[in-house]
């Protein structure tokens, strides 16, 4: 237990009150709250990992690493409204560390592992256009989505694979809703170019790597 911690109101910055209450209890050492909070967060965390992890990494192994870090460090969370951004950074850092480890091993076994597209976490989407694209089964399309610049890849996966709203994505990524909407629109455009084999895809992506807004 972690007594004497000061917490902000659970509804600060748009966090659902029930999730905010779970964050408070989890930070105070309640194992039931920690489990419930992880179960509620696991799906979108998987999408974040997928957006950042190396091609050959195993998503389930990575999620286990994130879960362990979550349980170990959740007592440090003072502001329930900052929880999603905090957990996102744990996922991003775990994915990048997996990339560093993988690069060191690649010399020994360059063909090992499976593609990120094959590790796609299943989920629903709230947009007819997304359903028509059949994200769950379109491995080729997902592989192309994973070629997008990082700043566009993550919000697009959170939106299309996990069905999160612009507001929810903004809370996770600590971005204004308008920025999230812009990135997703640009990401969709780049993805359409890639899917159609359009010549503009390379130039659109090349101009986006250093200028994500």
C-alpha atoms as a PDB file:
ATOM      1  CA  UNK A   1       0.000   0.000   0.000  1.00  0.00           C
ATOM      2  CA  UNK A   2       1.088   3.567  -0.690  1.00  0.00           C
ATOM      3  CA  UNK A   3      -0.419   5.885   1.877  1.00  0.00           C
ATOM      4  CA  UNK A   4      -0.475   9.659   1.861  1.00  0.00           C
ATOM      5  CA  UNK A   5      -0.535  10.122  -1.917  1.00  0.00           C
ATOM      6  CA  UNK A   6      -2.274  13.190  -3.314  1.00  0.00           C
ATOM      7  CA  UNK A   7      -4.503  12.687  -6.339  1.00  0.00           C
ATOM      8  CA  UNK A   8      -6.358  15.068  -8.601  1.00  0.00           C
ATOM      9  CA  UNK A   9     -10.059  14.616  -9.243  1.00  0.00           C
ATOM     10  CA  UNK A  10     -10.578  11.458 -11.369  1.00  0.00           C
ATOM     11  CA  UNK A  11     -12.598  13.349 -13.980  1.00  0.00           C
ATOM     12  CA  UNK A  12      -9.787  15.845 -14.676  1.00  0.00           C
ATOM     13  CA  UNK A  13      -8.897  16.176 -18.370  1.00  0.00           C
ATOM     14  CA  UNK A  14     -11.806  14.030 -19.515  1.00  0.00           C
ATOM     15  CA  UNK A  15     -10.807  10.737 -17.895  1.00  0.00           C
ATOM     16  CA  UNK A  16     -13.896   8.569 -17.275  1.00  0.00           C
ATOM     17  CA  UNK A  17     -14.744   8.693 -13.572  1.00  0.00           C
ATOM     18  CA  UNK A  18     -14.786   4.898 -13.205  1.00  0.00           C
ATOM     19  CA  UNK A  19     -11.328   4.599 -14.770  1.00  0.00           C
ATOM     20  CA  UNK A  20     -10.062   7.474 -12.658  1.00  0.00           C
ATOM     21  CA  UNK A  21     -11.225   5.693  -9.521  1.00  0.00           C
ATOM     22  CA  UNK A  22      -9.426   2.546 -10.651  1.00  0.00           C
ATOM     23  CA  UNK A  23      -6.223   4.532 -11.175  1.00  0.00           C
ATOM     24  CA  UNK A  24      -6.427   5.899  -7.629  1.00  0.00           C
ATOM     25  CA  UNK A  25      -6.993   2.445  -6.144  1.00  0.00           C
ATOM     26  CA  UNK A  26      -4.323   0.826  -8.330  1.00  0.00           C
ATOM     27  CA  UNK A  27      -1.747   3.440  -7.318  1.00  0.00           C
ATOM     28  CA  UNK A  28      -2.535   2.726  -3.675  1.00  0.00           C
ATOM     29  CA  UNK A  29      -1.689  -0.935  -4.192  1.00  0.00           C
ATOM     30  CA  UNK A  30      -5.097  -2.561  -4.777  1.00  0.00           C
ATOM     31  CA  UNK A  31      -4.320  -5.688  -6.864  1.00  0.00           C
ATOM     32  CA  UNK A  32      -7.933  -6.039  -8.013  1.00  0.00           C
ATOM     33  CA  UNK A  33      -7.942  -2.478  -9.321  1.00  0.00           C
ATOM     34  CA  UNK A  34      -4.589  -3.030 -11.000  1.00  0.00           C
ATOM     35  CA  UNK A  35      -5.896  -6.090 -12.816  1.00  0.00           C
ATOM     36  CA  UNK A  36      -9.130  -4.380 -13.856  1.00  0.00           C
ATOM     37  CA  UNK A  37      -7.232  -1.328 -15.089  1.00  0.00           C
ATOM     38  CA  UNK A  38      -4.833  -3.424 -17.152  1.00  0.00           C
ATOM     39  CA  UNK A  39      -7.684  -5.440 -18.699  1.00  0.00           C
ATOM     40  CA  UNK A  40      -9.447  -2.185 -19.618  1.00  0.00           C
ATOM     41  CA  UNK A  41      -6.264  -0.718 -21.140  1.00  0.00           C
ATOM     42  CA  UNK A  42      -4.713  -3.746 -22.819  1.00  0.00           C
ATOM     43  CA  UNK A  43      -6.419  -3.366 -26.202  1.00  0.00           C
ATOM     44  CA  UNK A  44      -5.273   0.188 -26.915  1.00  0.00           C
ATOM     45  CA  UNK A  45      -1.847  -0.523 -25.422  1.00  0.00           C
ATOM     46  CA  UNK A  46      -1.534  -3.354 -27.971  1.00  0.00           C
ATOM     47  CA  UNK A  47      -2.209  -0.874 -30.778  1.00  0.00           C
ATOM     48  CA  UNK A  48       0.475   1.476 -29.423  1.00  0.00           C
ATOM     49  CA  UNK A  49       2.970  -1.398 -29.216  1.00  0.00           C
ATOM     50  CA  UNK A  50       2.093  -2.462 -32.748  1.00  0.00           C
ATOM     51  CA  UNK A  51       2.774   1.053 -34.013  1.00  0.00           C
ATOM     52  CA  UNK A  52       6.245   1.213 -32.466  1.00  0.00           C
ATOM     53  CA  UNK A  53       7.585  -2.321 -32.183  1.00  0.00           C
ATOM     54  CA  UNK A  54      10.145  -3.784 -34.611  1.00  0.00           C
ATOM     55  CA  UNK A  55       8.913  -5.954 -37.432  1.00  0.00           C
ATOM     56  CA  UNK A  56      10.133  -9.231 -35.915  1.00  0.00           C
ATOM     57  CA  UNK A  57       8.980  -8.634 -32.328  1.00  0.00           C
ATOM     58  CA  UNK A  58       6.257 -10.719 -30.710  1.00  0.00           C
ATOM     59  CA  UNK A  59       3.309  -8.625 -29.583  1.00  0.00           C
ATOM     60  CA  UNK A  60       2.300 -10.918 -26.719  1.00  0.00           C
ATOM     61  CA  UNK A  61       5.806 -10.910 -25.268  1.00  0.00           C
ATOM     62  CA  UNK A  62       5.894  -7.143 -25.506  1.00  0.00           C
ATOM     63  CA  UNK A  63       2.527  -6.810 -23.771  1.00  0.00           C
ATOM     64  CA  UNK A  64       3.811  -8.956 -20.922  1.00  0.00           C
ATOM     65  CA  UNK A  65       6.772  -6.595 -20.511  1.00  0.00           C
ATOM     66  CA  UNK A  66       4.425  -3.602 -20.438  1.00  0.00           C
ATOM     67  CA  UNK A  67       2.112  -5.314 -17.928  1.00  0.00           C
ATOM     68  CA  UNK A  68       5.034  -6.009 -15.610  1.00  0.00           C
ATOM     69  CA  UNK A  69       6.231  -2.401 -15.824  1.00  0.00           C
ATOM     70  CA  UNK A  70       2.662  -1.212 -15.224  1.00  0.00           C
ATOM     71  CA  UNK A  71       2.269  -3.216 -12.012  1.00  0.00           C
ATOM     72  CA  UNK A  72       5.735  -2.252 -10.802  1.00  0.00           C
ATOM     73  CA  UNK A  73       5.402   1.480 -11.399  1.00  0.00           C
ATOM     74  CA  UNK A  74       1.702   2.336 -11.116  1.00  0.00           C
ATOM     75  CA  UNK A  75       2.239   3.561  -7.537  1.00  0.00           C
ATOM     76  CA  UNK A  76       4.113   6.541  -9.024  1.00  0.00           C
ATOM     77  CA  UNK A  77       0.983   7.869 -10.787  1.00  0.00           C
ATOM     78  CA  UNK A  78      -0.312  10.895  -8.887  1.00  0.00           C
ATOM     79  CA  UNK A  79      -2.715  12.311 -11.467  1.00  0.00           C
ATOM     80  CA  UNK A  80      -5.392   9.940 -12.820  1.00  0.00           C
ATOM     81  CA  UNK A  81      -5.806  12.271 -15.792  1.00  0.00           C
ATOM     82  CA  UNK A  82      -2.208  11.580 -16.807  1.00  0.00           C
ATOM     83  CA  UNK A  83      -2.533   7.802 -16.558  1.00  0.00           C
ATOM     84  CA  UNK A  84      -3.105   7.028 -20.222  1.00  0.00           C
ATOM     85  CA  UNK A  85      -0.191   9.139 -21.374  1.00  0.00           C
ATOM     86  CA  UNK A  86       1.979   7.544 -18.686  1.00  0.00           C
ATOM     87  CA  UNK A  87       1.040   4.024 -19.782  1.00  0.00           C
ATOM     88  CA  UNK A  88       1.505   4.924 -23.432  1.00  0.00           C
ATOM     89  CA  UNK A  89       5.090   5.999 -22.772  1.00  0.00           C
ATOM     90  CA  UNK A  90       5.779   2.699 -21.008  1.00  0.00           C
ATOM     91  CA  UNK A  91       4.493   0.890 -24.110  1.00  0.00           C
ATOM     92  CA  UNK A  92       6.474   3.085 -26.511  1.00  0.00           C
ATOM     93  CA  UNK A  93       9.682   2.657 -24.508  1.00  0.00           C
ATOM     94  CA  UNK A  94       9.195  -1.108 -24.262  1.00  0.00           C
ATOM     95  CA  UNK A  95       8.666  -1.330 -28.028  1.00  0.00           C
ATOM     96  CA  UNK A  96      11.777   0.726 -28.730  1.00  0.00           C
ATOM     97  CA  UNK A  97      13.846  -1.329 -26.316  1.00  0.00           C
ATOM     98  CA  UNK A  98      12.652  -4.457 -28.129  1.00  0.00           C
ATOM     99  CA  UNK A  99      13.893  -2.843 -31.329  1.00  0.00           C
ATOM    100  CA  UNK A 100      17.314  -2.213 -29.829  1.00  0.00           C
ATOM    101  CA  UNK A 101      17.548  -5.783 -28.565  1.00  0.00           C
ATOM    102  CA  UNK A 102      16.385  -7.145 -31.894  1.00  0.00           C
ATOM    103  CA  UNK A 103      18.949  -5.138 -33.836  1.00  0.00           C
ATOM    104  CA  UNK A 104      21.689  -6.686 -31.722  1.00  0.00           C
ATOM    105  CA  UNK A 105      20.382 -10.194 -32.430  1.00  0.00           C
ATOM    106  CA  UNK A 106      19.668  -9.716 -36.111  1.00  0.00           C
ATOM    107  CA  UNK A 107      23.267 -10.474 -37.041  1.00  0.00           C
ATOM    108  CA  UNK A 108      22.811 -14.018 -35.741  1.00  0.00           C
ATOM    109  CA  UNK A 109      19.364 -14.746 -37.167  1.00  0.00           C
ATOM    110  CA  UNK A 110      18.222 -12.100 -39.696  1.00  0.00           C
ATOM    111  CA  UNK A 111      15.132 -14.050 -40.774  1.00  0.00           C
ATOM    112  CA  UNK A 112      13.744 -14.811 -37.320  1.00  0.00           C
ATOM    113  CA  UNK A 113      10.387 -13.578 -36.075  1.00  0.00           C
ATOM    114  CA  UNK A 114       7.084 -12.691 -37.658  1.00  0.00           C
ATOM    115  CA  UNK A 115       5.819  -9.510 -39.193  1.00  0.00           C
ATOM    116  CA  UNK A 116       3.939  -6.898 -37.192  1.00  0.00           C
ATOM    117  CA  UNK A 117       0.990  -7.294 -39.530  1.00  0.00           C
ATOM    118  CA  UNK A 118       0.588 -10.909 -38.414  1.00  0.00           C
ATOM    119  CA  UNK A 119       0.478  -9.712 -34.798  1.00  0.00           C
ATOM    120  CA  UNK A 120      -2.514  -7.463 -35.414  1.00  0.00           C
ATOM    121  CA  UNK A 121      -4.733  -7.206 -32.316  1.00  0.00           C
ATOM    122  CA  UNK A 122      -8.346  -7.725 -33.336  1.00  0.00           C
ATOM    123  CA  UNK A 123     -10.929  -5.075 -32.563  1.00  0.00           C
ATOM    124  CA  UNK A 124     -14.023  -3.268 -33.747  1.00  0.00           C
ATOM    125  CA  UNK A 125     -14.230   0.066 -35.486  1.00  0.00           C
ATOM    126  CA  UNK A 126     -16.961   2.681 -35.482  1.00  0.00           C
ATOM    127  CA  UNK A 127     -16.580   3.796 -39.095  1.00  0.00           C
ATOM    128  CA  UNK A 128     -18.231   2.062 -42.102  1.00  0.00           C
ATOM    129  CA  UNK A 129     -15.215   2.846 -44.258  1.00  0.00           C
ATOM    130  CA  UNK A 130     -12.976   1.064 -41.801  1.00  0.00           C
ATOM    131  CA  UNK A 131     -15.246  -1.983 -41.715  1.00  0.00           C
ATOM    132  CA  UNK A 132     -15.226  -2.097 -45.502  1.00  0.00           C
ATOM    133  CA  UNK A 133     -11.448  -2.196 -45.414  1.00  0.00           C
ATOM    134  CA  UNK A 134     -11.662  -5.376 -43.282  1.00  0.00           C
ATOM    135  CA  UNK A 135      -8.755  -4.511 -41.030  1.00  0.00           C
ATOM    136  CA  UNK A 136      -8.963  -7.798 -39.140  1.00  0.00           C
ATOM    137  CA  UNK A 137      -8.242  -9.880 -42.208  1.00  0.00           C
ATOM    138  CA  UNK A 138      -6.377  -7.525 -44.538  1.00  0.00           C
ATOM    139  CA  UNK A 139      -2.825  -8.431 -43.606  1.00  0.00           C
ATOM    140  CA  UNK A 140      -1.447  -6.776 -46.727  1.00  0.00           C
ATOM    141  CA  UNK A 141      -3.187  -3.502 -45.961  1.00  0.00           C
ATOM    142  CA  UNK A 142      -2.001  -3.617 -42.369  1.00  0.00           C
ATOM    143  CA  UNK A 143       1.562  -4.186 -43.557  1.00  0.00           C
ATOM    144  CA  UNK A 144       1.260  -1.009 -45.615  1.00  0.00           C
ATOM    145  CA  UNK A 145      -0.182   0.884 -42.647  1.00  0.00           C
ATOM    146  CA  UNK A 146       2.903  -0.091 -40.664  1.00  0.00           C
ATOM    147  CA  UNK A 147       5.044   1.620 -43.315  1.00  0.00           C
ATOM    148  CA  UNK A 148       3.555   5.009 -42.438  1.00  0.00           C
ATOM    149  CA  UNK A 149       5.645   7.514 -40.450  1.00  0.00           C
ATOM    150  CA  UNK A 150       5.397   6.882 -36.730  1.00  0.00           C
ATOM    151  CA  UNK A 151       3.464  10.064 -35.993  1.00  0.00           C
ATOM    152  CA  UNK A 152       0.671   8.993 -38.338  1.00  0.00           C
ATOM    153  CA  UNK A 153       0.857   5.240 -37.779  1.00  0.00           C
ATOM    154  CA  UNK A 154      -0.048   5.295 -34.099  1.00  0.00           C
ATOM    155  CA  UNK A 155      -3.192   7.480 -34.215  1.00  0.00           C
ATOM    156  CA  UNK A 156      -4.409   5.649 -37.322  1.00  0.00           C
ATOM    157  CA  UNK A 157      -4.079   2.275 -35.601  1.00  0.00           C
ATOM    158  CA  UNK A 158      -5.782   3.547 -32.474  1.00  0.00           C
ATOM    159  CA  UNK A 159      -8.637   4.881 -34.590  1.00  0.00           C
ATOM    160  CA  UNK A 160      -9.115   2.127 -37.144  1.00  0.00           C
ATOM    161  CA  UNK A 161      -8.042  -0.977 -35.233  1.00  0.00           C
ATOM    162  CA  UNK A 162      -9.217  -0.022 -31.748  1.00  0.00           C
ATOM    163  CA  UNK A 163     -12.096   2.262 -32.736  1.00  0.00           C
ATOM    164  CA  UNK A 164     -11.039   5.034 -30.329  1.00  0.00           C
ATOM    165  CA  UNK A 165     -12.449   8.539 -30.676  1.00  0.00           C
ATOM    166  CA  UNK A 166     -10.308  11.556 -31.493  1.00  0.00           C
ATOM    167  CA  UNK A 167     -10.750  12.682 -27.888  1.00  0.00           C
ATOM    168  CA  UNK A 168      -9.598   9.333 -26.503  1.00  0.00           C
ATOM    169  CA  UNK A 169      -6.578   9.288 -28.803  1.00  0.00           C
ATOM    170  CA  UNK A 170      -5.745  12.828 -27.792  1.00  0.00           C
ATOM    171  CA  UNK A 171      -5.748  11.802 -24.130  1.00  0.00           C
ATOM    172  CA  UNK A 172      -3.446   8.870 -24.833  1.00  0.00           C
ATOM    173  CA  UNK A 173      -1.009  10.820 -27.026  1.00  0.00           C
ATOM    174  CA  UNK A 174      -1.339  14.163 -25.199  1.00  0.00           C
ATOM    175  CA  UNK A 175      -2.396  15.930 -28.382  1.00  0.00           C
ATOM    176  CA  UNK A 176      -5.274  18.301 -29.247  1.00  0.00           C
ATOM    177  CA  UNK A 177      -8.221  16.620 -30.950  1.00  0.00           C
ATOM    178  CA  UNK A 178      -7.694  18.778 -34.037  1.00  0.00           C
ATOM    179  CA  UNK A 179      -4.118  17.519 -34.354  1.00  0.00           C
ATOM    180  CA  UNK A 180      -5.266  13.928 -33.996  1.00  0.00           C
ATOM    181  CA  UNK A 181      -7.916  14.438 -36.665  1.00  0.00           C
ATOM    182  CA  UNK A 182      -5.378  16.015 -39.029  1.00  0.00           C
ATOM    183  CA  UNK A 183      -2.860  13.213 -38.572  1.00  0.00           C
ATOM    184  CA  UNK A 184      -5.473  10.533 -39.143  1.00  0.00           C
ATOM    185  CA  UNK A 185      -6.732  12.244 -42.300  1.00  0.00           C
ATOM    186  CA  UNK A 186      -3.186  12.518 -43.661  1.00  0.00           C
ATOM    187  CA  UNK A 187      -2.425   8.951 -42.624  1.00  0.00           C
ATOM    188  CA  UNK A 188      -5.470   7.691 -44.491  1.00  0.00           C
ATOM    189  CA  UNK A 189      -4.393   9.612 -47.573  1.00  0.00           C
ATOM    190  CA  UNK A 190      -0.896   8.141 -47.440  1.00  0.00           C
ATOM    191  CA  UNK A 191      -2.331   4.671 -46.885  1.00  0.00           C
ATOM    192  CA  UNK A 192      -4.597   5.012 -49.913  1.00  0.00           C
ATOM    193  CA  UNK A 193      -1.598   6.011 -51.988  1.00  0.00           C
ATOM    194  CA  UNK A 194       0.372   3.019 -50.747  1.00  0.00           C
ATOM    195  CA  UNK A 195      -2.514   0.615 -51.285  1.00  0.00           C
ATOM    196  CA  UNK A 196      -3.018   1.815 -54.861  1.00  0.00           C
ATOM    197  CA  UNK A 197       0.700   1.858 -55.590  1.00  0.00           C
ATOM    198  CA  UNK A 198       0.465   5.562 -56.382  1.00  0.00           C
ATOM    199  CA  UNK A 199       3.661   7.391 -57.250  1.00  0.00           C
ATOM    200  CA  UNK A 200       2.793  10.173 -54.822  1.00  0.00           C
ATOM    201  CA  UNK A 201       3.050   7.897 -51.769  1.00  0.00           C
ATOM    202  CA  UNK A 202       6.808   8.120 -51.392  1.00  0.00           C
ATOM    203  CA  UNK A 203       6.856  11.894 -51.739  1.00  0.00           C
ATOM    204  CA  UNK A 204       3.928  12.365 -49.328  1.00  0.00           C
ATOM    205  CA  UNK A 205       5.576  10.153 -46.715  1.00  0.00           C
ATOM    206  CA  UNK A 206       8.970  11.676 -47.260  1.00  0.00           C
ATOM    207  CA  UNK A 207       7.610  15.119 -46.564  1.00  0.00           C
ATOM    208  CA  UNK A 208       5.865  13.923 -43.416  1.00  0.00           C
ATOM    209  CA  UNK A 209       8.692  12.278 -41.498  1.00  0.00           C
ATOM    210  CA  UNK A 210      10.161  15.480 -40.213  1.00  0.00           C
ATOM    211  CA  UNK A 211       7.039  17.598 -40.270  1.00  0.00           C
ATOM    212  CA  UNK A 212       4.378  15.765 -38.288  1.00  0.00           C
ATOM    213  CA  UNK A 213       1.955  18.187 -36.748  1.00  0.00           C
END
